[in-house]
């Protein structure tokens, strides 16, 4: 019987200690290197550098990393390589790798990355998620695929209908495990685990490690390599952080003023609730500021349309809840605004980390009403920094 007690071998990715290498030095095969070269990906990020080699050795991985650290390639590249090198002559392709992620946006993003990485390998993949009709997804599954990216609900639904079998899975990825907990998917994951083969490689990623997630990781990982990148308390130096003390009724006026002051800057605005996000969108639209809100109650098409319009600069502002924002990847995002302070201090770090990426500068503005001062105190305690108070 497999020993369920996980013995963690820690590899903490510290950019000050890691010798800069190239993807070629990670022993990746030529078809993958060719695809990476076309995307102009030459130097792996810290988590890629630390995770890819043990993952290629078929080791289980426990990765502590937030969105934006390059973890998709950290788990996808080793899986693609192993599938490519272990191709069989089977007439029908069966699912060999399963990647579970909590949101539709993140699932689509992972599938888009797989499209880039598998270009010269012949590996086939598809993505399934709820909120849309299943017909096209079922057609892809019937055609036979090697890698399946899925959200938990749609996966279990199609399994129950007999469209998906997991008997041949060799590689299992659980991404954004802490967000699975927040969204109530942990029960779905626990229902899914017994349906997977006992012998497989498991790659487990989470931005934070609350006790319930730690327990889950220990139950499914075998002697994992633990890779930790950028502790949740750290904020990159390229982000300027400013604080506005403003009472709740005046927040809307401050927001309009700031956005109109610099109409060329794209702003990702965070609301604590879905209702709040919609309310902010109505206020900005009334002020003739192009915007859209995304959250769990919006249809998949509405969310994708809003994100597309924001990326193409057809609208200036995107208002999001924390759950909906997971997996959103926006290049050169200039401004993040915390309209509401988050209930959990670590969430602040995840929010503002969407700007100031890849060496670019960014700005994060935080609105704090009197009743939110306790949350502000938690954030400043976590980050070890007092936010600069702006007089605007």
Protein backbone atom coordinates (compact mmCIF):
# COMPACT_ATOMS: atom_id res chain seq x y z
CA UNK A 1 0.00 0.00 0.00
CA UNK A 2 1.25 3.48 -0.86
CA UNK A 3 2.58 5.52 2.01
CA UNK A 4 0.15 8.42 2.37
CA UNK A 5 2.47 10.51 4.51
CA UNK A 6 4.02 13.09 2.23
CA UNK A 7 7.70 13.80 2.83
CA UNK A 8 8.37 17.23 1.40
CA UNK A 9 11.62 17.97 -0.39
CA UNK A 10 11.61 21.75 -0.56
CA UNK A 11 13.03 23.68 -3.48
CA UNK A 12 12.37 27.34 -2.78
CA UNK A 13 12.76 29.34 -5.94
CA UNK A 14 14.60 32.50 -5.01
CA UNK A 15 15.59 34.56 -8.04
CA UNK A 16 18.64 35.85 -6.16
CA UNK A 17 20.04 32.32 -5.79
CA UNK A 18 18.95 30.65 -9.01
CA UNK A 19 21.51 30.59 -11.78
CA UNK A 20 19.89 31.88 -14.95
CA UNK A 21 19.41 29.08 -17.46
CA UNK A 22 17.62 28.54 -20.73
CA UNK A 23 14.79 26.12 -21.55
CA UNK A 24 17.30 24.08 -23.58
CA UNK A 25 19.27 23.38 -20.39
CA UNK A 26 16.15 21.83 -18.80
CA UNK A 27 16.47 18.82 -21.14
CA UNK A 28 13.31 19.62 -23.08
CA UNK A 29 12.87 17.90 -26.45
CA UNK A 30 13.32 19.72 -29.74
CA UNK A 31 9.58 19.93 -30.72
CA UNK A 32 8.84 21.75 -27.45
CA UNK A 33 11.91 24.00 -27.72
CA UNK A 34 10.86 24.95 -31.26
CA UNK A 35 7.39 25.96 -30.03
CA UNK A 36 8.87 27.95 -27.11
CA UNK A 37 11.32 29.68 -29.42
CA UNK A 38 8.47 30.82 -31.69
CA UNK A 39 6.82 32.41 -28.65
CA UNK A 40 10.22 33.98 -27.81
CA UNK A 41 10.33 32.10 -24.50
CA UNK A 42 14.05 31.63 -23.80
CA UNK A 43 14.58 31.88 -20.04
CA UNK A 44 12.36 29.88 -17.65
CA UNK A 45 10.76 31.60 -14.66
CA UNK A 46 11.89 30.48 -11.18
CA UNK A 47 9.04 27.99 -10.75
CA UNK A 48 9.63 26.55 -14.23
CA UNK A 49 13.33 26.20 -13.53
CA UNK A 50 12.75 24.42 -10.22
CA UNK A 51 9.73 22.26 -11.15
CA UNK A 52 10.35 21.06 -14.72
CA UNK A 53 13.32 18.76 -14.07
CA UNK A 54 11.76 16.78 -11.16
CA UNK A 55 8.44 16.69 -13.06
CA UNK A 56 10.26 15.18 -16.07
CA UNK A 57 11.53 12.53 -13.66
CA UNK A 58 7.86 11.72 -12.95
CA UNK A 59 8.07 13.10 -9.40
CA UNK A 60 4.98 14.46 -7.67
CA UNK A 61 5.13 18.24 -7.22
CA UNK A 62 3.67 20.51 -4.53
CA UNK A 63 3.86 24.01 -5.97
CA UNK A 64 3.17 27.13 -3.94
CA UNK A 65 2.74 29.82 -6.55
CA UNK A 66 0.22 32.44 -7.48
CA UNK A 67 -1.14 33.34 -10.92
CA UNK A 68 1.44 35.07 -13.07
CA UNK A 69 4.51 33.09 -12.00
CA UNK A 70 4.55 30.85 -15.07
CA UNK A 71 3.23 27.72 -13.39
CA UNK A 72 1.19 26.60 -16.42
CA UNK A 73 4.37 25.87 -18.36
CA UNK A 74 5.91 24.37 -15.20
CA UNK A 75 3.37 21.54 -15.27
CA UNK A 76 2.40 21.48 -18.96
CA UNK A 77 5.83 21.14 -20.56
CA UNK A 78 6.90 18.01 -18.59
CA UNK A 79 3.53 16.37 -19.25
CA UNK A 80 3.70 17.07 -23.00
CA UNK A 81 7.24 15.72 -23.16
CA UNK A 82 6.40 12.52 -21.29
CA UNK A 83 3.35 11.89 -23.45
CA UNK A 84 5.39 12.53 -26.60
CA UNK A 85 8.18 10.15 -25.57
CA UNK A 86 5.77 7.44 -24.45
CA UNK A 87 3.40 7.38 -27.42
CA UNK A 88 1.70 4.08 -28.07
CA UNK A 89 0.22 2.64 -31.22
CA UNK A 90 -3.32 2.62 -29.85
CA UNK A 91 -6.07 3.10 -32.40
CA UNK A 92 -8.13 5.37 -30.15
CA UNK A 93 -6.57 8.10 -28.06
CA UNK A 94 -7.47 7.94 -24.39
CA UNK A 95 -7.08 10.75 -21.87
CA UNK A 96 -3.55 10.44 -20.47
CA UNK A 97 -3.38 13.75 -18.61
CA UNK A 98 -6.09 15.57 -16.65
CA UNK A 99 -5.77 19.20 -15.56
CA UNK A 100 -8.43 20.48 -13.13
CA UNK A 101 -8.84 24.21 -12.52
CA UNK A 102 -11.61 26.20 -10.78
CA UNK A 103 -12.67 28.82 -13.34
CA UNK A 104 -13.62 28.84 -16.99
CA UNK A 105 -11.24 31.70 -17.70
CA UNK A 106 -8.26 29.83 -16.28
CA UNK A 107 -9.26 26.62 -18.08
CA UNK A 108 -9.39 28.45 -21.41
CA UNK A 109 -6.06 30.14 -20.70
CA UNK A 110 -4.37 26.80 -19.94
CA UNK A 111 -5.82 25.28 -23.11
CA UNK A 112 -4.47 28.21 -25.15
CA UNK A 113 -1.02 27.61 -23.65
CA UNK A 114 -1.27 23.91 -24.56
CA UNK A 115 -2.06 24.91 -28.13
CA UNK A 116 1.22 26.83 -28.26
CA UNK A 117 3.34 24.21 -26.52
CA UNK A 118 2.02 21.13 -28.40
CA UNK A 119 2.29 22.68 -31.87
CA UNK A 120 5.01 20.29 -33.10
CA UNK A 121 4.26 17.23 -30.97
CA UNK A 122 1.01 15.85 -32.35
CA UNK A 123 -0.40 15.83 -28.80
CA UNK A 124 -4.15 16.54 -28.83
CA UNK A 125 -6.00 18.42 -26.10
CA UNK A 126 -9.33 20.04 -25.36
CA UNK A 127 -11.02 22.10 -22.67
CA UNK A 128 -14.44 21.56 -21.07
CA UNK A 129 -16.37 23.86 -18.71
CA UNK A 130 -19.92 24.63 -17.73
CA UNK A 131 -22.14 27.53 -18.71
CA UNK A 132 -22.18 26.56 -22.40
CA UNK A 133 -23.78 23.74 -24.41
CA UNK A 134 -21.87 20.49 -24.21
CA UNK A 135 -22.26 19.27 -27.82
CA UNK A 136 -18.99 20.66 -29.23
CA UNK A 137 -17.08 19.54 -26.15
CA UNK A 138 -18.47 16.01 -26.44
CA UNK A 139 -17.50 15.91 -30.14
CA UNK A 140 -13.88 16.71 -29.29
CA UNK A 141 -13.84 14.06 -26.58
CA UNK A 142 -15.24 11.43 -28.94
CA UNK A 143 -12.52 12.23 -31.48
CA UNK A 144 -9.93 11.20 -28.90
CA UNK A 145 -7.57 13.46 -26.92
CA UNK A 146 -4.38 13.12 -24.88
CA UNK A 147 -4.79 16.04 -22.43
CA UNK A 148 -8.07 17.23 -20.91
CA UNK A 149 -8.42 20.61 -19.17
CA UNK A 150 -11.62 20.81 -17.13
CA UNK A 151 -13.58 22.60 -14.45
CA UNK A 152 -14.88 20.16 -11.80
CA UNK A 153 -18.63 20.46 -12.40
CA UNK A 154 -18.63 19.86 -16.16
CA UNK A 155 -16.06 17.06 -15.77
CA UNK A 156 -18.22 15.12 -13.30
CA UNK A 157 -21.31 15.79 -15.40
CA UNK A 158 -19.79 14.35 -18.57
CA UNK A 159 -18.31 11.44 -16.62
CA UNK A 160 -21.77 10.62 -15.27
CA UNK A 161 -23.11 10.72 -18.85
CA UNK A 162 -20.46 8.22 -19.92
CA UNK A 163 -18.51 10.56 -22.20
CA UNK A 164 -15.30 10.57 -20.13
CA UNK A 165 -13.21 7.73 -18.72
CA UNK A 166 -10.14 8.35 -16.59
CA UNK A 167 -8.75 4.80 -16.51
CA UNK A 168 -5.68 5.71 -18.58
CA UNK A 169 -4.68 8.95 -16.81
CA UNK A 170 -0.92 9.03 -16.07
CA UNK A 171 -0.62 12.68 -15.08
CA UNK A 172 -3.04 14.59 -12.84
CA UNK A 173 -2.81 18.34 -12.20
CA UNK A 174 -4.84 20.14 -9.54
CA UNK A 175 -4.39 23.87 -10.15
CA UNK A 176 -5.44 26.75 -7.86
CA UNK A 177 -6.39 24.35 -5.06
CA UNK A 178 -7.09 27.13 -2.56
CA UNK A 179 -9.57 28.72 -4.97
CA UNK A 180 -11.24 25.31 -5.34
CA UNK A 181 -11.87 25.51 -1.61
CA UNK A 182 -13.22 29.08 -1.83
CA UNK A 183 -15.60 28.13 -4.61
CA UNK A 184 -16.90 25.00 -2.89
CA UNK A 185 -15.31 22.56 -5.35
CA UNK A 186 -13.36 20.56 -2.79
CA UNK A 187 -16.27 18.09 -2.44
CA UNK A 188 -16.23 17.58 -6.22
CA UNK A 189 -12.49 16.95 -6.12
CA UNK A 190 -12.93 14.38 -3.36
CA UNK A 191 -15.58 12.63 -5.47
CA UNK A 192 -13.24 12.64 -8.45
CA UNK A 193 -10.07 11.29 -6.79
CA UNK A 194 -11.26 7.65 -6.36
CA UNK A 195 -12.05 7.51 -10.10
CA UNK A 196 -8.40 8.17 -11.03
CA UNK A 197 -5.81 5.38 -11.34
CA UNK A 198 -3.79 4.81 -8.16
CA UNK A 199 -0.51 4.92 -10.05
CA UNK A 200 -0.01 8.33 -11.62
CA UNK A 201 2.02 11.51 -11.33
CA UNK A 202 0.25 14.28 -9.38
CA UNK A 203 1.13 17.97 -9.69
CA UNK A 204 -0.59 20.09 -7.04
CA UNK A 205 -0.53 23.90 -7.15
CA UNK A 206 -1.96 26.44 -4.72
CA UNK A 207 -1.27 30.12 -4.04
CA UNK A 208 -1.85 29.64 -0.31
CA UNK A 209 -1.83 26.61 1.97
CA UNK A 210 -4.70 26.70 4.49
CA UNK A 211 -4.96 23.63 6.71
CA UNK A 212 -7.71 21.98 4.63
CA UNK A 213 -5.60 22.27 1.47
CA UNK A 214 -2.52 20.95 3.28
CA UNK A 215 -4.52 17.90 4.39
CA UNK A 216 -5.75 17.33 0.82
CA UNK A 217 -2.22 17.62 -0.58
CA UNK A 218 -0.90 15.04 1.88
CA UNK A 219 -3.66 12.61 0.90
CA UNK A 220 -2.88 12.65 -2.83
CA UNK A 221 0.86 13.35 -3.14
CA UNK A 222 3.59 10.75 -2.79
CA UNK A 223 7.04 11.96 -1.67
CA UNK A 224 6.60 15.28 -3.52
CA UNK A 225 9.13 17.91 -4.41
CA UNK A 226 7.87 21.16 -2.89
CA UNK A 227 8.50 24.26 -4.99
CA UNK A 228 7.70 27.64 -3.49
CA UNK A 229 7.81 30.86 -5.48
CA UNK A 230 7.28 34.39 -4.22
CA UNK A 231 5.77 34.16 -0.74
CA UNK A 232 2.22 35.49 -0.60
CA UNK A 233 3.36 38.41 1.53
CA UNK A 234 5.71 39.82 -1.11
CA UNK A 235 4.89 42.57 -3.56
CA UNK A 236 7.28 43.27 -6.43
CA UNK A 237 9.15 46.56 -6.31
CA UNK A 238 7.84 47.64 -9.71
CA UNK A 239 4.38 48.33 -8.24
CA UNK A 240 3.69 51.78 -6.77
CA UNK A 241 1.09 51.47 -3.98
CA UNK A 242 -1.12 54.35 -2.84
CA UNK A 243 -3.84 54.58 -0.23
CA UNK A 244 -6.94 56.79 -0.26
CA UNK A 245 -8.92 57.24 2.95
CA UNK A 246 -12.43 57.71 1.61
CA UNK A 247 -15.83 56.87 3.06
CA UNK A 248 -18.04 54.44 1.21
CA UNK A 249 -20.52 56.97 -0.31
CA UNK A 250 -17.64 59.01 -1.77
CA UNK A 251 -15.77 56.08 -3.33
CA UNK A 252 -17.69 56.32 -6.61
CA UNK A 253 -16.80 60.00 -7.07
CA UNK A 254 -13.11 59.33 -6.38
CA UNK A 255 -13.11 56.43 -8.85
CA UNK A 256 -14.68 58.52 -11.62
CA UNK A 257 -12.23 61.35 -10.97
CA UNK A 258 -9.18 59.06 -11.13
CA UNK A 259 -10.29 57.30 -14.31
CA UNK A 260 -11.16 60.54 -16.10
CA UNK A 261 -7.84 62.04 -15.04
CA UNK A 262 -5.97 59.56 -17.22
CA UNK A 263 -8.29 58.07 -19.82
CA UNK A 264 -5.47 56.20 -21.53
CA UNK A 265 -4.78 53.94 -18.56
CA UNK A 266 -6.52 50.58 -18.38
CA UNK A 267 -7.78 49.78 -14.88
CA UNK A 268 -8.71 46.48 -13.27
CA UNK A 269 -11.09 47.32 -10.41
CA UNK A 270 -11.79 44.85 -7.60
CA UNK A 271 -15.14 44.56 -5.86
CA UNK A 272 -15.76 42.28 -2.88
CA UNK A 273 -19.15 41.14 -4.19
CA UNK A 274 -20.92 40.39 -7.47
CA UNK A 275 -23.63 42.93 -6.68
CA UNK A 276 -20.96 45.54 -5.96
CA UNK A 277 -19.22 44.86 -9.28
CA UNK A 278 -22.46 45.41 -11.20
CA UNK A 279 -23.17 48.60 -9.24
CA UNK A 280 -19.71 50.02 -10.01
CA UNK A 281 -20.20 49.20 -13.71
CA UNK A 282 -23.53 51.07 -13.76
CA UNK A 283 -21.94 54.10 -12.07
CA UNK A 284 -19.04 54.23 -14.56
CA UNK A 285 -21.25 53.70 -17.59
CA UNK A 286 -23.45 56.57 -16.40
CA UNK A 287 -20.29 58.70 -16.18
CA UNK A 288 -19.51 57.68 -19.78
CA UNK A 289 -16.48 55.60 -18.84
CA UNK A 290 -16.34 52.42 -20.90
CA UNK A 291 -16.39 49.39 -18.62
CA UNK A 292 -17.71 45.90 -17.99
CA UNK A 293 -18.12 43.66 -14.94
CA UNK A 294 -17.18 40.00 -14.70
CA UNK A 295 -18.24 37.59 -11.98
CA UNK A 296 -19.72 34.15 -11.46
CA UNK A 297 -23.27 35.18 -12.39
CA UNK A 298 -22.24 36.37 -15.84
CA UNK A 299 -22.51 33.97 -18.77
CA UNK A 300 -19.33 32.57 -20.28
CA UNK A 301 -19.87 34.58 -23.47
CA UNK A 302 -20.38 37.80 -21.51
CA UNK A 303 -17.21 37.23 -19.50
CA UNK A 304 -15.10 36.44 -22.55
CA UNK A 305 -16.50 39.43 -24.43
CA UNK A 306 -15.73 41.77 -21.52
CA UNK A 307 -12.19 40.46 -21.21
CA UNK A 308 -11.61 40.72 -24.96
CA UNK A 309 -12.86 44.33 -25.03
CA UNK A 310 -10.62 45.20 -22.09
CA UNK A 311 -7.52 43.65 -23.65
CA UNK A 312 -8.16 45.45 -26.95
CA UNK A 313 -8.69 48.76 -25.05
CA UNK A 314 -12.26 49.12 -26.34
CA UNK A 315 -13.20 49.73 -22.70
CA UNK A 316 -11.10 51.45 -20.06
CA UNK A 317 -12.11 49.53 -16.95
CA UNK A 318 -12.86 45.95 -16.00
CA UNK A 319 -14.61 45.37 -12.66
CA UNK A 320 -14.07 41.92 -11.19
CA UNK A 321 -14.61 39.84 -8.09
CA UNK A 322 -11.60 37.93 -6.79
CA UNK A 323 -12.92 34.56 -7.93
CA UNK A 324 -13.67 35.73 -11.48
CA UNK A 325 -10.27 37.42 -11.73
CA UNK A 326 -8.31 34.22 -11.08
CA UNK A 327 -6.68 33.18 -14.32
CA UNK A 328 -7.06 36.55 -16.04
CA UNK A 329 -3.75 37.30 -17.74
CA UNK A 330 -3.43 40.85 -19.09
CA UNK A 331 -0.14 42.03 -20.54
CA UNK A 332 1.15 45.42 -19.40
CA UNK A 333 -1.80 46.18 -17.13
CA UNK A 334 -1.11 49.68 -15.82
CA UNK A 335 -3.50 50.11 -12.93
CA UNK A 336 -5.24 48.02 -10.27
CA UNK A 337 -7.82 49.64 -7.99
CA UNK A 338 -9.05 48.07 -4.77
CA UNK A 339 -12.50 49.67 -4.62
CA UNK A 340 -13.29 47.38 -1.69
CA UNK A 341 -10.61 45.96 0.57
CA UNK A 342 -10.47 42.15 0.57
CA UNK A 343 -11.49 40.12 3.62
CA UNK A 344 -8.21 38.17 3.48
CA UNK A 345 -4.94 40.11 3.49
CA UNK A 346 -3.19 37.70 1.10
CA UNK A 347 -5.83 38.47 -1.52
CA UNK A 348 -4.51 42.04 -1.67
CA UNK A 349 -1.14 40.71 -2.84
CA UNK A 350 -2.77 38.54 -5.51
CA UNK A 351 -4.88 41.46 -6.73
CA UNK A 352 -2.14 44.03 -7.16
CA UNK A 353 0.23 41.40 -8.55
CA UNK A 354 -1.68 41.63 -11.83
CA UNK A 355 0.21 44.84 -12.60
CA UNK A 356 3.97 45.42 -12.59
CA UNK A 357 4.68 42.09 -14.27
CA UNK A 358 7.67 41.02 -16.34
CA UNK A 359 9.72 44.04 -15.30
CA UNK A 360 7.02 46.56 -16.25
CA UNK A 361 5.95 49.24 -13.80
CA UNK A 362 2.43 49.36 -12.41
CA UNK A 363 0.29 51.25 -9.95
CA UNK A 364 -2.10 49.97 -7.29
CA UNK A 365 -4.64 52.26 -5.62
CA UNK A 366 -6.56 51.24 -2.52
CA UNK A 367 -9.75 52.87 -1.22
CA UNK A 368 -10.22 52.48 2.51
CA UNK A 369 -13.40 53.43 4.38
CA UNK A 370 -13.49 53.70 8.16
CA UNK A 371 -15.03 50.24 8.59
CA UNK A 372 -12.23 48.72 6.47
CA UNK A 373 -9.32 49.95 8.60
CA UNK A 374 -8.93 46.60 10.35
CA UNK A 375 -8.49 44.95 6.93
CA UNK A 376 -5.93 47.60 5.99
CA UNK A 377 -4.01 46.91 9.19
CA UNK A 378 -3.89 43.19 8.30
CA UNK A 379 -2.59 43.97 4.80
CA UNK A 380 0.16 46.26 6.09
CA UNK A 381 1.14 43.71 8.71
CA UNK A 382 1.34 40.96 6.08
CA UNK A 383 3.40 42.96 3.57
CA UNK A 384 5.49 44.73 6.20
CA UNK A 385 4.85 48.07 4.48
CA UNK A 386 2.66 51.07 5.18
CA UNK A 387 0.87 52.23 2.05
CA UNK A 388 1.63 55.75 0.90
CA UNK A 389 -1.37 57.98 1.64
CA UNK A 390 -2.41 60.03 -1.37
CA UNK A 391 -4.05 63.39 -1.12
CA UNK A 392 -5.14 63.18 -4.80
